[in-house]
Amino acid sequence: MSCSVEGCAKASEKRGWCGMHYRRWRIHGSTDTVLPRGRFGKEPLNDRLARWSKPSPSGCLEWLGFRDAKGYGRITVDGEARKAHRVAWEVANGRAVPPGMHICHSCDNPPCINPAHLSPGYPAENVADMDAKGRRAALRGSSSPKAKLTWDAVRQIRSSNNPGRELAALYGVSESLISQVRHNQIWKETA
């Protein structure tokens, strides 16, 4: 049996279509859709960004394609995997991201590629923005899940005249950690 698309003599594989027409239907919803110069990375970037995103009620344009472990969209451009929000900003602004700069989200939504929500910023500005919005957890001191000491233990260590070896055994930590605590290299108290 041959493909049911008029003019196609290839063998039928699925749903009465040949493999090519079936893939076109799966990807584009139509057997007659043909992308200019082929499918993989050849259509204009703005069309690819539009096809792989959808608006959300918050005004974000959320990336539907692959996302990395931190939730940022990834897109292949000229054989290189890149962050989708950076590519979206470059397409919208007609220029590359300035060297040493990040593309920051005003919406704090990693999969968002809406150019209205994106702006260039230096890494320090991005961190300051995270801190101002309370998005960066300060995992210091006893709030860290890896902490082996408490602030009370730190104060006792600093006021103690016992040898570091004794204190290390008492608190279940290394002698070097005791030394770092005593010399205010770690567990620094902020005023």
Protein backbone atom coordinates (compact mmCIF):
# COMPACT_ATOMS: atom_id res chain seq x y z
CA MET A 1 0.00 0.00 0.00
CA SER A 2 1.33 3.46 -0.81
CA CYS A 3 1.14 6.78 1.05
CA SER A 4 -2.34 8.33 0.98
CA VAL A 5 -0.97 11.83 0.27
CA GLU A 6 -1.74 12.71 -3.34
CA GLY A 7 1.32 12.44 -5.57
CA CYS A 8 3.39 10.40 -3.08
CA ALA A 9 4.29 6.87 -4.18
CA LYS A 10 6.30 5.91 -1.06
CA ALA A 11 5.21 2.93 1.01
CA SER A 12 2.68 3.58 3.75
CA GLU A 13 4.05 3.23 7.29
CA LYS A 14 1.68 4.87 9.82
CA ARG A 15 -1.84 6.26 9.56
CA GLY A 16 -1.74 5.61 5.85
CA TRP A 17 1.22 7.94 5.29
CA CYS A 18 4.86 7.40 4.45
CA GLY A 19 7.46 8.21 7.11
CA MET A 20 8.09 11.74 5.78
CA HIS A 21 4.40 12.75 5.71
CA TYR A 22 3.77 11.13 9.09
CA ARG A 23 6.66 13.16 10.65
CA ARG A 24 5.35 16.36 9.05
CA TRP A 25 1.92 15.68 10.52
CA ARG A 26 3.35 14.93 14.00
CA ILE A 27 5.50 18.04 14.07
CA HIS A 28 3.31 20.56 12.25
CA GLY A 29 -0.20 19.09 12.34
CA SER A 30 -0.32 18.91 8.55
CA THR A 31 1.18 16.57 5.96
CA ASP A 32 1.81 19.39 3.50
CA THR A 33 3.82 21.73 5.76
CA VAL A 34 7.34 22.17 4.44
CA LEU A 35 9.85 24.30 6.29
CA PRO A 36 12.16 26.43 4.18
CA ARG A 37 15.46 24.62 3.47
CA GLY A 38 14.66 21.70 5.77
CA ARG A 39 13.54 21.23 9.36
CA PHE A 40 16.54 21.12 11.68
CA GLY A 41 17.78 24.61 12.47
CA LYS A 42 17.05 26.00 9.02
CA GLU A 43 13.87 27.95 9.69
CA PRO A 44 14.36 31.53 10.90
CA LEU A 45 15.18 31.74 14.60
CA ASN A 46 12.21 33.98 15.41
CA ASP A 47 9.88 31.34 13.86
CA ARG A 48 11.56 28.56 15.85
CA LEU A 49 11.28 30.56 19.06
CA ALA A 50 7.60 31.23 18.38
CA ARG A 51 6.88 27.60 17.49
CA TRP A 52 8.55 26.26 20.65
CA SER A 53 6.93 28.64 23.14
CA LYS A 54 3.50 29.52 24.44
CA PRO A 55 2.12 32.50 26.36
CA SER A 56 1.28 32.02 30.03
CA PRO A 57 -1.26 33.99 32.09
CA SER A 58 1.59 35.84 33.81
CA GLY A 59 2.69 37.38 30.50
CA CYS A 60 5.68 35.09 30.14
CA LEU A 61 6.41 33.32 26.89
CA GLU A 62 7.40 29.88 28.17
CA TRP A 63 9.84 27.67 26.31
CA LEU A 64 8.31 24.27 25.50
CA GLY A 65 11.45 22.58 24.19
CA PHE A 66 14.28 21.03 26.17
CA ARG A 67 15.07 22.63 29.54
CA ASP A 68 18.25 22.20 31.53
CA ALA A 69 18.39 21.21 35.20
CA LYS A 70 17.84 24.83 36.28
CA GLY A 71 14.76 25.21 34.05
CA TYR A 72 16.33 27.34 31.31
CA GLY A 73 15.27 26.52 27.75
CA ARG A 74 17.92 25.23 25.35
CA ILE A 75 17.94 25.67 21.57
CA THR A 76 20.45 24.56 18.96
CA VAL A 77 21.80 27.37 16.78
CA ASP A 78 24.38 26.55 14.11
CA GLY A 79 25.10 23.22 15.79
CA GLU A 80 25.65 24.78 19.23
CA ALA A 81 23.26 24.29 22.17
CA ARG A 82 22.46 27.72 23.63
CA LYS A 83 20.14 29.14 26.27
CA ALA A 84 16.83 30.02 24.61
CA HIS A 85 16.32 33.27 26.55
CA ARG A 86 19.71 34.60 25.36
CA VAL A 87 18.86 33.72 21.76
CA ALA A 88 15.41 35.35 22.13
CA TRP A 89 17.01 38.56 23.42
CA GLU A 90 19.54 38.56 20.54
CA VAL A 91 16.80 38.02 17.93
CA ALA A 92 14.62 40.77 19.43
CA ASN A 93 17.49 43.26 19.71
CA GLY A 94 19.36 42.36 16.54
CA ARG A 95 22.72 42.04 18.25
CA ALA A 96 24.74 39.62 20.35
CA VAL A 97 24.68 39.70 24.13
CA PRO A 98 27.54 42.01 25.21
CA PRO A 99 30.60 40.08 26.44
CA GLY A 100 30.61 39.30 30.15
CA MET A 101 26.90 40.02 30.57
CA HIS A 102 23.99 37.80 31.54
CA ILE A 103 20.44 38.08 30.24
CA CYS A 104 18.35 38.68 33.35
CA HIS A 105 14.68 37.81 33.77
CA SER A 106 12.51 40.54 35.34
CA CYS A 107 9.83 37.84 35.78
CA ASP A 108 12.19 35.43 37.63
CA ASN A 109 10.89 32.59 35.43
CA PRO A 110 13.81 30.62 33.88
CA PRO A 111 11.86 29.15 30.92
CA CYS A 112 10.53 32.60 29.88
CA ILE A 113 11.79 33.89 26.52
CA ASN A 114 9.60 37.01 26.32
CA PRO A 115 11.99 39.81 25.21
CA ALA A 116 9.98 42.31 27.29
CA HIS A 117 11.02 40.34 30.39
CA LEU A 118 14.71 40.10 29.44
CA SER A 119 17.53 42.59 29.86
CA PRO A 120 21.32 42.44 29.86
CA GLY A 121 23.08 42.77 33.20
CA TYR A 122 26.42 42.01 34.76
CA PRO A 123 26.63 38.93 37.01
CA ALA A 124 26.90 41.12 40.14
CA GLU A 125 23.73 42.99 39.13
CA ASN A 126 21.93 39.68 38.62
CA VAL A 127 22.98 38.50 42.10
CA ALA A 128 21.95 41.85 43.64
CA ASP A 129 18.55 41.51 41.93
CA MET A 130 18.18 37.98 43.33
CA ASP A 131 19.05 39.22 46.81
CA ALA A 132 16.69 42.20 46.58
CA LYS A 133 13.84 39.87 45.59
CA GLY A 134 14.77 37.29 48.23
CA ARG A 135 15.33 34.56 45.64
CA ARG A 136 18.77 33.51 46.81
CA ALA A 137 18.75 31.48 49.96
CA ALA A 138 21.60 32.38 52.28
CA LEU A 139 22.80 28.94 53.26
CA ARG A 140 25.35 30.12 55.74
CA GLY A 141 25.97 29.07 59.30
CA SER A 142 23.34 26.96 60.99
CA SER A 143 20.84 27.51 58.12
CA SER A 144 23.00 25.36 55.85
CA PRO A 145 21.86 21.73 55.67
CA LYS A 146 25.55 20.72 55.76
CA ALA A 147 26.31 22.62 58.98
CA LYS A 148 27.91 20.52 61.68
CA LEU A 149 27.89 23.29 64.27
CA THR A 150 25.37 25.70 65.73
CA TRP A 151 25.96 29.33 66.69
CA ASP A 152 25.98 28.30 70.36
CA ALA A 153 28.70 25.73 69.64
CA VAL A 154 30.71 28.33 67.68
CA ARG A 155 30.55 30.78 70.61
CA GLN A 156 31.63 28.03 73.05
CA ILE A 157 34.55 27.08 70.77
CA ARG A 158 35.70 30.70 70.57
CA SER A 159 35.52 31.22 74.33
CA SER A 160 37.12 27.87 75.20
CA ASN A 161 40.78 27.44 76.16
CA ASN A 162 40.68 23.68 75.46
CA PRO A 163 43.00 22.32 72.76
CA GLY A 164 41.61 22.12 69.24
CA ARG A 165 41.95 18.32 69.24
CA GLU A 166 39.64 18.03 72.29
CA LEU A 167 37.04 20.40 70.82
CA ALA A 168 37.17 18.61 67.44
CA ALA A 169 36.42 15.29 69.15
CA LEU A 170 33.67 16.88 71.29
CA TYR A 171 31.83 18.43 68.30
CA GLY A 172 32.62 15.72 65.74
CA VAL A 173 34.52 18.01 63.37
CA SER A 174 38.12 18.39 62.22
CA GLU A 175 40.83 20.31 64.06
CA SER A 176 41.21 22.59 61.05
CA LEU A 177 37.53 23.55 61.29
CA ILE A 178 38.01 24.43 64.96
CA SER A 179 40.99 26.58 64.00
CA GLN A 180 39.01 28.34 61.24
CA VAL A 181 36.18 29.07 63.69
CA ARG A 182 38.58 30.44 66.31
CA HIS A 183 40.28 32.71 63.75
CA ASN A 184 36.96 34.00 62.34
CA GLN A 185 37.69 32.56 58.90
CA ILE A 186 34.30 30.85 58.90
CA TRP A 187 31.12 31.37 60.91
CA LYS A 188 31.55 35.13 60.81
CA GLU A 189 28.99 37.00 62.85
CA THR A 190 27.43 39.98 61.10
CA ALA A 191 26.53 43.05 63.10
